[in-house]
Structures are given as C-alpha cells and as structure tokens.
Amino acid sequence: MTTIVLWVSDLGKSVGFYKALFGDHNPYVTEEFACVSNNDNEVLLHLLPEEFRTAPALREENPIKPVFNVASIDQAKLAAGQNGGRLGGAPQEHGQWRYVDGNDPDGNIIQVRENI
C-alpha cells in the first residue's frame, strides 16, 4: 500500500473524490482530517487552516505526483469527473501499466494506473 498526505482546502470534496476513486465506502472522517483507502492506496487528507485555503488551481509546479493503482482507468475517469477532479487524455503505456494524469478537486496533479 502507498500512503500520501495531502493538505486540502475543501475536505468534503476531496473525501468524495478519493472515496469514489478508490471505492472506499467507509472512510475515516473528522472535522479536519480524513483517511481514504483501499487495498492499494491510502490518502491522509488534512484540512488547511482557513488563512491558507485557496480556490482549486492546477499545481503543475509541484515536485511530486502521486500515483494510484485503479482497477479501471475508464471507471476512474468517470469517478473523477463526477467528484470535482479530472483525468484526461488517451492512456499511455509503460511496462505492465496503462496510465493517465489528471488532478483532484484541489488541483493536485495525480496519476492513476491500471495493470494490463
């Protein structure tokens, strides 16, 4: 399992996004923190203090890009689009993986991949 910590401006939107992406029907959620996971992925979401919250913006300058395993890129694209994110473009292939890039509701750049 891979775990990543993300600071977010809208905890509810981010929980909904990762819950749909991972198929987690019972995430752990408090007022300022959430843990959303499945057998392959875990995201620990921390709500930013109010003075640091911003409107969603693509953060391509971020030096990291988390990669999440999914069962189906097509299903992940649908889940992302219905929950404030976006996964786009034609899937690329590398080794045993097919992958696409996108962003979560806060604008964090992510990648999802499926085993081929």
PDB file of N, CA and C in Angstrom:
ATOM      1  N   MET A   1       0.845  -1.180   0.000  1.00  0.00           N
ATOM      2  CA  MET A   1       0.000   0.000   0.000  1.00  0.00           C
ATOM      3  C   MET A   1       0.889   1.243   0.000  1.00  0.00           C
ATOM      4  N   THR A   2       0.461   2.226  -0.756  1.00  0.00           N
ATOM      5  CA  THR A   2       1.130   3.519  -0.780  1.00  0.00           C
ATOM      6  C   THR A   2       0.287   4.499   0.018  1.00  0.00           C
ATOM      7  N   THR A   3       0.936   5.310   0.848  1.00  0.00           N
ATOM      8  CA  THR A   3       0.240   6.332   1.630  1.00  0.00           C
ATOM      9  C   THR A   3       0.830   7.686   1.301  1.00  0.00           C
ATOM     10  N   ILE A   4      -0.041   8.676   1.120  1.00  0.00           N
ATOM     11  CA  ILE A   4       0.405  10.044   0.895  1.00  0.00           C
ATOM     12  C   ILE A   4      -0.456  10.972   1.743  1.00  0.00           C
ATOM     13  N   VAL A   5       0.145  12.043   2.224  1.00  0.00           N
ATOM     14  CA  VAL A   5      -0.564  13.070   2.974  1.00  0.00           C
ATOM     15  C   VAL A   5      -0.771  14.258   2.056  1.00  0.00           C
ATOM     16  N   LEU A   6      -2.006  14.739   1.965  1.00  0.00           N
ATOM     17  CA  LEU A   6      -2.321  15.916   1.171  1.00  0.00           C
ATOM     18  C   LEU A   6      -3.053  16.936   2.032  1.00  0.00           C
ATOM     19  N   TRP A   7      -2.647  18.192   1.923  1.00  0.00           N
ATOM     20  CA  TRP A   7      -3.357  19.293   2.566  1.00  0.00           C
ATOM     21  C   TRP A   7      -4.378  19.808   1.562  1.00  0.00           C
ATOM     22  N   VAL A   8      -5.617  20.013   1.995  1.00  0.00           N
ATOM     23  CA  VAL A   8      -6.690  20.389   1.081  1.00  0.00           C
ATOM     24  C   VAL A   8      -7.482  21.573   1.620  1.00  0.00           C
ATOM     25  N   SER A   9      -8.106  22.297   0.701  1.00  0.00           N
ATOM     26  CA  SER A   9      -8.932  23.450   1.076  1.00  0.00           C
ATOM     27  C   SER A   9     -10.377  23.069   1.334  1.00  0.00           C
ATOM     28  N   ASP A  10     -10.845  21.999   0.707  1.00  0.00           N
ATOM     29  CA  ASP A  10     -12.226  21.545   0.872  1.00  0.00           C
ATOM     30  C   ASP A  10     -12.203  20.061   1.190  1.00  0.00           C
ATOM     31  N   LEU A  11     -12.259  19.743   2.471  1.00  0.00           N
ATOM     32  CA  LEU A  11     -12.151  18.355   2.913  1.00  0.00           C
ATOM     33  C   LEU A  11     -13.272  17.492   2.335  1.00  0.00           C
ATOM     34  N   GLY A  12     -14.497  17.996   2.338  1.00  0.00           N
ATOM     35  CA  GLY A  12     -15.628  17.210   1.839  1.00  0.00           C
ATOM     36  C   GLY A  12     -15.469  16.820   0.380  1.00  0.00           C
ATOM     37  N   LYS A  13     -15.079  17.770  -0.463  1.00  0.00           N
ATOM     38  CA  LYS A  13     -14.877  17.465  -1.885  1.00  0.00           C
ATOM     39  C   LYS A  13     -13.754  16.460  -2.086  1.00  0.00           C
ATOM     40  N   SER A  14     -12.671  16.643  -1.359  1.00  0.00           N
ATOM     41  CA  SER A  14     -11.541  15.723  -1.504  1.00  0.00           C
ATOM     42  C   SER A  14     -11.895  14.325  -1.020  1.00  0.00           C
ATOM     43  N   VAL A  15     -12.625  14.221   0.079  1.00  0.00           N
ATOM     44  CA  VAL A  15     -13.068  12.907   0.556  1.00  0.00           C
ATOM     45  C   VAL A  15     -13.946  12.251  -0.505  1.00  0.00           C
ATOM     46  N   GLY A  16     -14.896  12.996  -1.052  1.00  0.00           N
ATOM     47  CA  GLY A  16     -15.766  12.442  -2.089  1.00  0.00           C
ATOM     48  C   GLY A  16     -14.999  11.962  -3.304  1.00  0.00           C
ATOM     49  N   PHE A  17     -14.006  12.739  -3.718  1.00  0.00           N
ATOM     50  CA  PHE A  17     -13.198  12.387  -4.882  1.00  0.00           C
ATOM     51  C   PHE A  17     -12.421  11.092  -4.643  1.00  0.00           C
ATOM     52  N   TYR A  18     -11.652  11.044  -3.566  1.00  0.00           N
ATOM     53  CA  TYR A  18     -10.821   9.861  -3.318  1.00  0.00           C
ATOM     54  C   TYR A  18     -11.663   8.649  -2.927  1.00  0.00           C
ATOM     55  N   LYS A  19     -12.780   8.877  -2.269  1.00  0.00           N
ATOM     56  CA  LYS A  19     -13.703   7.790  -1.938  1.00  0.00           C
ATOM     57  C   LYS A  19     -14.204   7.122  -3.215  1.00  0.00           C
ATOM     58  N   ALA A  20     -14.605   7.932  -4.201  1.00  0.00           N
ATOM     59  CA  ALA A  20     -15.077   7.389  -5.477  1.00  0.00           C
ATOM     60  C   ALA A  20     -13.935   6.744  -6.259  1.00  0.00           C
ATOM     61  N   LEU A  21     -12.764   7.367  -6.248  1.00  0.00           N
ATOM     62  CA  LEU A  21     -11.621   6.845  -6.993  1.00  0.00           C
ATOM     63  C   LEU A  21     -11.174   5.492  -6.460  1.00  0.00           C
ATOM     64  N   PHE A  22     -11.148   5.347  -5.126  1.00  0.00           N
ATOM     65  CA  PHE A  22     -10.676   4.114  -4.506  1.00  0.00           C
ATOM     66  C   PHE A  22     -11.779   3.100  -4.214  1.00  0.00           C
ATOM     67  N   GLY A  23     -13.039   3.509  -4.303  1.00  0.00           N
ATOM     68  CA  GLY A  23     -14.125   2.606  -3.946  1.00  0.00           C
ATOM     69  C   GLY A  23     -14.211   2.368  -2.440  1.00  0.00           C
ATOM     70  N   ASP A  24     -13.800   3.363  -1.653  1.00  0.00           N
ATOM     71  CA  ASP A  24     -13.845   3.257  -0.192  1.00  0.00           C
ATOM     72  C   ASP A  24     -15.228   3.697   0.280  1.00  0.00           C
ATOM     73  N   HIS A  25     -16.016   2.758   0.792  1.00  0.00           N
ATOM     74  CA  HIS A  25     -17.378   3.069   1.222  1.00  0.00           C
ATOM     75  C   HIS A  25     -17.472   3.498   2.678  1.00  0.00           C
ATOM     76  N   ASN A  26     -16.335   3.463   3.383  1.00  0.00           N
ATOM     77  CA  ASN A  26     -16.362   3.801   4.801  1.00  0.00           C
ATOM     78  C   ASN A  26     -15.078   4.519   5.218  1.00  0.00           C
ATOM     79  N   PRO A  27     -14.796   5.690   4.636  1.00  0.00           N
ATOM     80  CA  PRO A  27     -13.572   6.390   5.034  1.00  0.00           C
ATOM     81  C   PRO A  27     -13.683   6.919   6.463  1.00  0.00           C
ATOM     82  N   TYR A  28     -12.539   7.122   7.088  1.00  0.00           N
ATOM     83  CA  TYR A  28     -12.496   7.726   8.416  1.00  0.00           C
ATOM     84  C   TYR A  28     -12.449   9.238   8.210  1.00  0.00           C
ATOM     85  N   VAL A  29     -13.427   9.952   8.779  1.00  0.00           N
ATOM     86  CA  VAL A  29     -13.519  11.392   8.562  1.00  0.00           C
ATOM     87  C   VAL A  29     -13.814  12.095   9.878  1.00  0.00           C
ATOM     88  N   THR A  30     -13.029  13.143  10.165  1.00  0.00           N
ATOM     89  CA  THR A  30     -13.317  14.030  11.275  1.00  0.00           C
ATOM     90  C   THR A  30     -13.494  15.435  10.688  1.00  0.00           C
ATOM     91  N   GLU A  31     -13.594  16.417  11.532  1.00  0.00           N
ATOM     92  CA  GLU A  31     -13.803  17.788  11.069  1.00  0.00           C
ATOM     93  C   GLU A  31     -12.618  18.321  10.264  1.00  0.00           C
ATOM     94  N   GLU A  32     -11.402  17.887  10.588  1.00  0.00           N
ATOM     95  CA  GLU A  32     -10.207  18.442   9.931  1.00  0.00           C
ATOM     96  C   GLU A  32      -9.299  17.393   9.307  1.00  0.00           C
ATOM     97  N   PHE A  33      -9.715  16.113   9.315  1.00  0.00           N
ATOM     98  CA  PHE A  33      -8.844  15.039   8.837  1.00  0.00           C
ATOM     99  C   PHE A  33      -9.685  13.917   8.256  1.00  0.00           C
ATOM    100  N   ALA A  34      -9.127  13.222   7.266  1.00  0.00           N
ATOM    101  CA  ALA A  34      -9.787  12.031   6.726  1.00  0.00           C
ATOM    102  C   ALA A  34      -8.733  11.045   6.242  1.00  0.00           C
ATOM    103  N   CYS A  35      -9.077   9.788   6.312  1.00  0.00           N
ATOM    104  CA  CYS A  35      -8.265   8.714   5.753  1.00  0.00           C
ATOM    105  C   CYS A  35      -9.153   7.956   4.778  1.00  0.00           C
ATOM    106  N   VAL A  36      -8.740   7.952   3.508  1.00  0.00           N
ATOM    107  CA  VAL A  36      -9.491   7.266   2.465  1.00  0.00           C
ATOM    108  C   VAL A  36      -8.545   6.228   1.870  1.00  0.00           C
ATOM    109  N   SER A  37      -9.008   4.971   1.776  1.00  0.00           N
ATOM    110  CA  SER A  37      -8.084   3.923   1.338  1.00  0.00           C
ATOM    111  C   SER A  37      -8.797   2.753   0.683  1.00  0.00           C
ATOM    112  N   ASN A  38      -7.981   1.918   0.065  1.00  0.00           N
ATOM    113  CA  ASN A  38      -8.380   0.596  -0.401  1.00  0.00           C
ATOM    114  C   ASN A  38      -7.167  -0.309  -0.215  1.00  0.00           C
ATOM    115  N   ASN A  39      -7.140  -1.468  -0.828  1.00  0.00           N
ATOM    116  CA  ASN A  39      -6.021  -2.394  -0.622  1.00  0.00           C
ATOM    117  C   ASN A  39      -4.699  -1.884  -1.171  1.00  0.00           C
ATOM    118  N   ASP A  40      -4.733  -0.969  -2.140  1.00  0.00           N
ATOM    119  CA  ASP A  40      -3.513  -0.491  -2.796  1.00  0.00           C
ATOM    120  C   ASP A  40      -3.105   0.922  -2.413  1.00  0.00           C
ATOM    121  N   ASN A  41      -4.049   1.755  -2.011  1.00  0.00           N
ATOM    122  CA  ASN A  41      -3.794   3.184  -1.847  1.00  0.00           C
ATOM    123  C   ASN A  41      -4.358   3.695  -0.524  1.00  0.00           C
ATOM    124  N   GLU A  42      -3.692   4.725   0.001  1.00  0.00           N
ATOM    125  CA  GLU A  42      -4.209   5.397   1.185  1.00  0.00           C
ATOM    126  C   GLU A  42      -3.845   6.879   1.083  1.00  0.00           C
ATOM    127  N   VAL A  43      -4.848   7.733   1.260  1.00  0.00           N
ATOM    128  CA  VAL A  43      -4.634   9.179   1.264  1.00  0.00           C
ATOM    129  C   VAL A  43      -5.079   9.705   2.619  1.00  0.00           C
ATOM    130  N   LEU A  44      -4.178  10.439   3.256  1.00  0.00           N
ATOM    131  CA  LEU A  44      -4.495  11.105   4.509  1.00  0.00           C
ATOM    132  C   LEU A  44      -4.719  12.571   4.166  1.00  0.00           C
ATOM    133  N   LEU A  45      -5.937  13.033   4.338  1.00  0.00           N
ATOM    134  CA  LEU A  45      -6.318  14.390   3.951  1.00  0.00           C
ATOM    135  C   LEU A  45      -6.393  15.271   5.188  1.00  0.00           C
ATOM    136  N   HIS A  46      -5.661  16.363   5.163  1.00  0.00           N
ATOM    137  CA  HIS A  46      -5.667  17.330   6.258  1.00  0.00           C
ATOM    138  C   HIS A  46      -6.246  18.640   5.738  1.00  0.00           C
ATOM    139  N   LEU A  47      -7.205  19.175   6.446  1.00  0.00           N
ATOM    140  CA  LEU A  47      -7.801  20.455   6.070  1.00  0.00           C
ATOM    141  C   LEU A  47      -6.823  21.577   6.389  1.00  0.00           C
ATOM    142  N   LEU A  48      -6.536  22.397   5.376  1.00  0.00           N
ATOM    143  CA  LEU A  48      -5.659  23.548   5.583  1.00  0.00           C
ATOM    144  C   LEU A  48      -6.291  24.525   6.568  1.00  0.00           C
ATOM    145  N   PRO A  49      -5.478  25.203   7.376  1.00  0.00           N
ATOM    146  CA  PRO A  49      -6.030  26.286   8.189  1.00  0.00           C
ATOM    147  C   PRO A  49      -6.696  27.309   7.270  1.00  0.00           C
ATOM    148  N   GLU A  50      -7.748  27.924   7.739  1.00  0.00           N
ATOM    149  CA  GLU A  50      -8.561  28.812   6.900  1.00  0.00           C
ATOM    150  C   GLU A  50      -7.747  29.863   6.158  1.00  0.00           C
ATOM    151  N   GLU A  51      -6.738  30.435   6.793  1.00  0.00           N
ATOM    152  CA  GLU A  51      -5.973  31.502   6.148  1.00  0.00           C
ATOM    153  C   GLU A  51      -5.135  31.007   4.962  1.00  0.00           C
ATOM    154  N   PHE A  52      -4.976  29.687   4.819  1.00  0.00           N
ATOM    155  CA  PHE A  52      -4.194  29.133   3.710  1.00  0.00           C
ATOM    156  C   PHE A  52      -5.054  28.478   2.632  1.00  0.00           C
ATOM    157  N   ARG A  53      -6.360  28.450   2.822  1.00  0.00           N
ATOM    158  CA  ARG A  53      -7.239  27.816   1.833  1.00  0.00           C
ATOM    159  C   ARG A  53      -7.359  28.695   0.598  1.00  0.00           C
ATOM    160  N   THR A  54      -7.376  28.039  -0.551  1.00  0.00           N
ATOM    161  CA  THR A  54      -7.471  28.758  -1.818  1.00  0.00           C
ATOM    162  C   THR A  54      -8.476  28.059  -2.713  1.00  0.00           C
ATOM    163  N   ALA A  55      -8.851  28.756  -3.779  1.00  0.00           N
ATOM    164  CA  ALA A  55      -9.680  28.127  -4.807  1.00  0.00           C
ATOM    165  C   ALA A  55      -8.826  27.082  -5.528  1.00  0.00           C
ATOM    166  N   PRO A  56      -9.452  26.022  -6.036  1.00  0.00           N
ATOM    167  CA  PRO A  56      -8.681  24.998  -6.739  1.00  0.00           C
ATOM    168  C   PRO A  56      -7.881  25.596  -7.888  1.00  0.00           C
ATOM    169  N   ALA A  57      -6.654  25.160  -8.000  1.00  0.00           N
ATOM    170  CA  ALA A  57      -5.780  25.591  -9.089  1.00  0.00           C
ATOM    171  C   ALA A  57      -4.820  24.454  -9.398  1.00  0.00           C
ATOM    172  N   LEU A  58      -4.575  24.224 -10.693  1.00  0.00           N
ATOM    173  CA  LEU A  58      -3.626  23.183 -11.061  1.00  0.00           C
ATOM    174  C   LEU A  58      -2.257  23.536 -10.503  1.00  0.00           C
ATOM    175  N   ARG A  59      -1.638  22.566  -9.882  1.00  0.00           N
ATOM    176  CA  ARG A  59      -0.346  22.792  -9.234  1.00  0.00           C
ATOM    177  C   ARG A  59       0.743  22.010  -9.962  1.00  0.00           C
ATOM    178  N   GLU A  60       0.904  22.281 -11.242  1.00  0.00           N
ATOM    179  CA  GLU A  60       1.871  21.528 -12.031  1.00  0.00           C
ATOM    180  C   GLU A  60       3.302  21.774 -11.606  1.00  0.00           C
ATOM    181  N   GLU A  61       3.542  22.862 -10.882  1.00  0.00           N
ATOM    182  CA  GLU A  61       4.896  23.128 -10.428  1.00  0.00           C
ATOM    183  C   GLU A  61       5.276  22.259  -9.227  1.00  0.00           C
ATOM    184  N   ASN A  62       4.326  21.513  -8.698  1.00  0.00           N
ATOM    185  CA  ASN A  62       4.585  20.649  -7.557  1.00  0.00           C
ATOM    186  C   ASN A  62       5.638  19.603  -7.929  1.00  0.00           C
ATOM    187  N   PRO A  63       6.657  19.413  -7.106  1.00  0.00           N
ATOM    188  CA  PRO A  63       7.736  18.492  -7.469  1.00  0.00           C
ATOM    189  C   PRO A  63       7.390  17.010  -7.326  1.00  0.00           C
ATOM    190  N   ILE A  64       6.181  16.674  -6.877  1.00  0.00           N
ATOM    191  CA  ILE A  64       5.791  15.263  -6.785  1.00  0.00           C
ATOM    192  C   ILE A  64       4.459  15.050  -7.483  1.00  0.00           C
ATOM    193  N   LYS A  65       4.233  13.820  -7.911  1.00  0.00           N
ATOM    194  CA  LYS A  65       2.956  13.429  -8.492  1.00  0.00           C
ATOM    195  C   LYS A  65       2.620  12.050  -7.938  1.00  0.00           C
ATOM    196  N   PRO A  66       1.640  11.960  -7.022  1.00  0.00           N
ATOM    197  CA  PRO A  66       1.283  10.639  -6.503  1.00  0.00           C
ATOM    198  C   PRO A  66       0.651   9.785  -7.596  1.00  0.00           C
ATOM    199  N   VAL A  67       0.954   8.493  -7.543  1.00  0.00           N
ATOM    200  CA  VAL A  67       0.431   7.522  -8.498  1.00  0.00           C
ATOM    201  C   VAL A  67      -0.428   6.534  -7.722  1.00  0.00           C
ATOM    202  N   PHE A  68      -1.672   6.356  -8.197  1.00  0.00           N
ATOM    203  CA  PHE A  68      -2.610   5.464  -7.528  1.00  0.00           C
ATOM    204  C   PHE A  68      -2.996   4.319  -8.454  1.00  0.00           C
ATOM    205  N   ASN A  69      -3.032   3.108  -7.919  1.00  0.00           N
ATOM    206  CA  ASN A  69      -3.474   1.943  -8.672  1.00  0.00           C
ATOM    207  C   ASN A  69      -4.996   1.903  -8.686  1.00  0.00           C
ATOM    208  N   VAL A  70      -5.566   1.661  -9.861  1.00  0.00           N
ATOM    209  CA  VAL A  70      -7.014   1.520 -10.005  1.00  0.00           C
ATOM    210  C   VAL A  70      -7.305   0.260 -10.811  1.00  0.00           C
ATOM    211  N   ALA A  71      -8.497  -0.266 -10.644  1.00  0.00           N
ATOM    212  CA  ALA A  71      -8.900  -1.450 -11.395  1.00  0.00           C
ATOM    213  C   ALA A  71      -9.192  -1.105 -12.848  1.00  0.00           C
ATOM    214  N   SER A  72      -9.706   0.118 -13.087  1.00  0.00           N
ATOM    215  CA  SER A  72     -10.100   0.520 -14.430  1.00  0.00           C
ATOM    216  C   SER A  72      -9.895   2.019 -14.619  1.00  0.00           C
ATOM    217  N   ILE A  73      -9.115   2.394 -15.607  1.00  0.00           N
ATOM    218  CA  ILE A  73      -8.930   3.814 -15.907  1.00  0.00           C
ATOM    219  C   ILE A  73     -10.248   4.437 -16.334  1.00  0.00           C
ATOM    220  N   ASP A  74     -11.038   3.738 -17.117  1.00  0.00           N
ATOM    221  CA  ASP A  74     -12.332   4.291 -17.552  1.00  0.00           C
ATOM    222  C   ASP A  74     -13.230   4.594 -16.361  1.00  0.00           C
ATOM    223  N   GLN A  75     -13.310   3.673 -15.409  1.00  0.00           N
ATOM    224  CA  GLN A  75     -14.111   3.915 -14.208  1.00  0.00           C
ATOM    225  C   GLN A  75     -13.524   5.057 -13.374  1.00  0.00           C
ATOM    226  N   ALA A  76     -12.198   5.138 -13.301  1.00  0.00           N
ATOM    227  CA  ALA A  76     -11.548   6.210 -12.549  1.00  0.00           C
ATOM    228  C   ALA A  76     -11.825   7.568 -13.189  1.00  0.00           C
ATOM    229  N   LYS A  77     -11.819   7.634 -14.528  1.00  0.00           N
ATOM    230  CA  LYS A  77     -12.132   8.890 -15.221  1.00  0.00           C
ATOM    231  C   LYS A  77     -13.551   9.339 -14.895  1.00  0.00           C
ATOM    232  N   LEU A  78     -14.481   8.418 -14.914  1.00  0.00           N
ATOM    233  CA  LEU A  78     -15.872   8.723 -14.595  1.00  0.00           C
ATOM    234  C   LEU A  78     -16.004   9.200 -13.145  1.00  0.00           C
ATOM    235  N   ALA A  79     -15.396   8.473 -12.216  1.00  0.00           N
ATOM    236  CA  ALA A  79     -15.453   8.846 -10.796  1.00  0.00           C
ATOM    237  C   ALA A  79     -14.827  10.214 -10.574  1.00  0.00           C
ATOM    238  N   ALA A  80     -13.699  10.479 -11.210  1.00  0.00           N
ATOM    239  CA  ALA A  80     -13.031  11.778 -11.047  1.00  0.00           C
ATOM    240  C   ALA A  80     -13.920  12.902 -11.558  1.00  0.00           C
ATOM    241  N   GLY A  81     -14.468  12.745 -12.746  1.00  0.00           N
ATOM    242  CA  GLY A  81     -15.309  13.784 -13.342  1.00  0.00           C
ATOM    243  C   GLY A  81     -16.567  14.074 -12.550  1.00  0.00           C
ATOM    244  N   GLN A  82     -17.108  13.064 -11.886  1.00  0.00           N
ATOM    245  CA  GLN A  82     -18.330  13.246 -11.104  1.00  0.00           C
ATOM    246  C   GLN A  82     -18.054  13.807  -9.708  1.00  0.00           C
ATOM    247  N   ASN A  83     -16.763  13.936  -9.357  1.00  0.00           N
ATOM    248  CA  ASN A  83     -16.415  14.347  -7.995  1.00  0.00           C
ATOM    249  C   ASN A  83     -15.394  15.480  -7.949  1.00  0.00           C
ATOM    250  N   GLY A  84     -15.454  16.363  -8.942  1.00  0.00           N
ATOM    251  CA  GLY A  84     -14.671  17.590  -8.891  1.00  0.00           C
ATOM    252  C   GLY A  84     -13.250  17.508  -9.399  1.00  0.00           C
ATOM    253  N   GLY A  85     -12.841  16.377  -9.922  1.00  0.00           N
ATOM    254  CA  GLY A  85     -11.497  16.230 -10.476  1.00  0.00           C
ATOM    255  C   GLY A  85     -11.553  15.988 -11.967  1.00  0.00           C
ATOM    256  N   ARG A  86     -10.414  15.614 -12.515  1.00  0.00           N
ATOM    257  CA  ARG A  86     -10.345  15.340 -13.946  1.00  0.00           C
ATOM    258  C   ARG A  86      -9.187  14.396 -14.220  1.00  0.00           C
ATOM    259  N   LEU A  87      -9.445  13.382 -14.996  1.00  0.00           N
ATOM    260  CA  LEU A  87      -8.406  12.510 -15.543  1.00  0.00           C
ATOM    261  C   LEU A  87      -8.596  12.543 -17.042  1.00  0.00           C
ATOM    262  N   GLY A  88      -7.552  12.882 -17.785  1.00  0.00           N
ATOM    263  CA  GLY A  88      -7.777  13.100 -19.204  1.00  0.00           C
ATOM    264  C   GLY A  88      -6.749  12.488 -20.110  1.00  0.00           C
ATOM    265  N   GLY A  89      -7.070  12.617 -21.385  1.00  0.00           N
ATOM    266  CA  GLY A  89      -6.164  12.151 -22.420  1.00  0.00           C
ATOM    267  C   GLY A  89      -6.241  10.659 -22.631  1.00  0.00           C
ATOM    268  N   ALA A  90      -5.611  10.253 -23.716  1.00  0.00           N
ATOM    269  CA  ALA A  90      -5.541   8.828 -24.021  1.00  0.00           C
ATOM    270  C   ALA A  90      -4.535   8.174 -23.084  1.00  0.00           C
ATOM    271  N   PRO A  91      -4.851   6.993 -22.571  1.00  0.00           N
ATOM    272  CA  PRO A  91      -3.897   6.306 -21.696  1.00  0.00           C
ATOM    273  C   PRO A  91      -2.575   6.027 -22.421  1.00  0.00           C
ATOM    274  N   GLN A  92      -1.508   6.166 -21.678  1.00  0.00           N
ATOM    275  CA  GLN A  92      -0.167   5.815 -22.138  1.00  0.00           C
ATOM    276  C   GLN A  92       0.196   4.474 -21.527  1.00  0.00           C
ATOM    277  N   GLU A  93       1.204   3.812 -22.079  1.00  0.00           N
ATOM    278  CA  GLU A  93       1.640   2.530 -21.525  1.00  0.00           C
ATOM    279  C   GLU A  93       3.119   2.559 -21.217  1.00  0.00           C
ATOM    280  N   HIS A  94       3.451   1.893 -20.128  1.00  0.00           N
ATOM    281  CA  HIS A  94       4.847   1.703 -19.732  1.00  0.00           C
ATOM    282  C   HIS A  94       4.935   0.384 -18.982  1.00  0.00           C
ATOM    283  N   GLY A  95       5.701  -0.544 -19.516  1.00  0.00           N
ATOM    284  CA  GLY A  95       5.824  -1.849 -18.870  1.00  0.00           C
ATOM    285  C   GLY A  95       4.476  -2.524 -18.739  1.00  0.00           C
ATOM    286  N   GLN A  96       4.150  -2.915 -17.525  1.00  0.00           N
ATOM    287  CA  GLN A  96       2.883  -3.617 -17.280  1.00  0.00           C
ATOM    288  C   GLN A  96       1.730  -2.684 -16.966  1.00  0.00           C
ATOM    289  N   TRP A  97       1.921  -1.369 -17.128  1.00  0.00           N
ATOM    290  CA  TRP A  97       0.923  -0.393 -16.700  1.00  0.00           C
ATOM    291  C   TRP A  97       0.394   0.452 -17.840  1.00  0.00           C
ATOM    292  N   ARG A  98      -0.883   0.798 -17.744  1.00  0.00           N
ATOM    293  CA  ARG A  98      -1.537   1.820 -18.565  1.00  0.00           C
ATOM    294  C   ARG A  98      -1.873   2.942 -17.596  1.00  0.00           C
ATOM    295  N   TYR A  99      -1.624   4.202 -17.980  1.00  0.00           N
ATOM    296  CA  TYR A  99      -1.797   5.294 -17.026  1.00  0.00           C
ATOM    297  C   TYR A  99      -2.290   6.570 -17.694  1.00  0.00           C
ATOM    298  N   VAL A 100      -2.900   7.446 -16.881  1.00  0.00           N
ATOM    299  CA  VAL A 100      -3.305   8.797 -17.289  1.00  0.00           C
ATOM    300  C   VAL A 100      -3.035   9.746 -16.131  1.00  0.00           C
ATOM    301  N   ASP A 101      -2.823  11.006 -16.480  1.00  0.00           N
ATOM    302  CA  ASP A 101      -2.635  12.051 -15.490  1.00  0.00           C
ATOM    303  C   ASP A 101      -3.916  12.857 -15.337  1.00  0.00           C
ATOM    304  N   GLY A 102      -4.009  13.583 -14.254  1.00  0.00           N
ATOM    305  CA  GLY A 102      -5.160  14.447 -14.022  1.00  0.00           C
ATOM    306  C   GLY A 102      -4.959  15.262 -12.770  1.00  0.00           C
ATOM    307  N   ASN A 103      -6.061  15.698 -12.193  1.00  0.00           N
ATOM    308  CA  ASN A 103      -5.985  16.473 -10.957  1.00  0.00           C
ATOM    309  C   ASN A 103      -7.167  16.148 -10.053  1.00  0.00           C
ATOM    310  N   ASP A 104      -6.952  16.352  -8.750  1.00  0.00           N
ATOM    311  CA  ASP A 104      -8.017  16.168  -7.774  1.00  0.00           C
ATOM    312  C   ASP A 104      -8.758  17.498  -7.605  1.00  0.00           C
ATOM    313  N   PRO A 105      -9.780  17.572  -6.765  1.00  0.00           N
ATOM    314  CA  PRO A 105     -10.559  18.815  -6.636  1.00  0.00           C
ATOM    315  C   PRO A 105      -9.754  20.025  -6.170  1.00  0.00           C
ATOM    316  N   ASP A 106      -8.632  19.806  -5.480  1.00  0.00           N
ATOM    317  CA  ASP A 106      -7.798  20.920  -5.024  1.00  0.00           C
ATOM    318  C   ASP A 106      -6.774  21.333  -6.067  1.00  0.00           C
ATOM    319  N   GLY A 107      -6.713  20.617  -7.190  1.00  0.00           N
ATOM    320  CA  GLY A 107      -5.759  20.946  -8.239  1.00  0.00           C
ATOM    321  C   GLY A 107      -4.463  20.172  -8.160  1.00  0.00           C
ATOM    322  N   ASN A 108      -4.339  19.290  -7.160  1.00  0.00           N
ATOM    323  CA  ASN A 108      -3.128  18.474  -7.071  1.00  0.00           C
ATOM    324  C   ASN A 108      -3.036  17.552  -8.279  1.00  0.00           C
ATOM    325  N   ILE A 109      -1.893  17.527  -8.930  1.00  0.00           N
ATOM    326  CA  ILE A 109      -1.679  16.657 -10.081  1.00  0.00           C
ATOM    327  C   ILE A 109      -1.479  15.235  -9.565  1.00  0.00           C
ATOM    328  N   ILE A 110      -2.210  14.298 -10.171  1.00  0.00           N
ATOM    329  CA  ILE A 110      -2.114  12.881  -9.791  1.00  0.00           C
ATOM    330  C   ILE A 110      -2.005  12.043 -11.055  1.00  0.00           C
ATOM    331  N   GLN A 111      -1.658  10.787 -10.862  1.00  0.00           N
ATOM    332  CA  GLN A 111      -1.665   9.818 -11.943  1.00  0.00           C
ATOM    333  C   GLN A 111      -2.386   8.587 -11.434  1.00  0.00           C
ATOM    334  N   VAL A 112      -3.195   7.973 -12.304  1.00  0.00           N
ATOM    335  CA  VAL A 112      -3.783   6.679 -11.982  1.00  0.00           C
ATOM    336  C   VAL A 112      -3.292   5.683 -13.013  1.00  0.00           C
ATOM    337  N   ARG A 113      -3.144   4.441 -12.560  1.00  0.00           N
ATOM    338  CA  ARG A 113      -2.652   3.410 -13.465  1.00  0.00           C
ATOM    339  C   ARG A 113      -3.386   2.111 -13.218  1.00  0.00           C
ATOM    340  N   GLU A 114      -3.529   1.350 -14.323  1.00  0.00           N
ATOM    341  CA  GLU A 114      -4.126   0.027 -14.220  1.00  0.00           C
ATOM    342  C   GLU A 114      -3.147  -0.982 -14.792  1.00  0.00           C
ATOM    343  N   ASN A 115      -3.164  -2.170 -14.234  1.00  0.00           N
ATOM    344  CA  ASN A 115      -2.317  -3.258 -14.706  1.00  0.00           C
ATOM    345  C   ASN A 115      -2.880  -3.792 -16.025  1.00  0.00           C
ATOM    346  N   ILE A 116      -2.009  -3.985 -17.011  1.00  0.00           N
ATOM    347  CA  ILE A 116      -2.501  -4.515 -18.296  1.00  0.00           C
ATOM    348  C   ILE A 116      -2.030  -5.940 -18.520  1.00  0.00           C
TER     349      ILE A 116
END
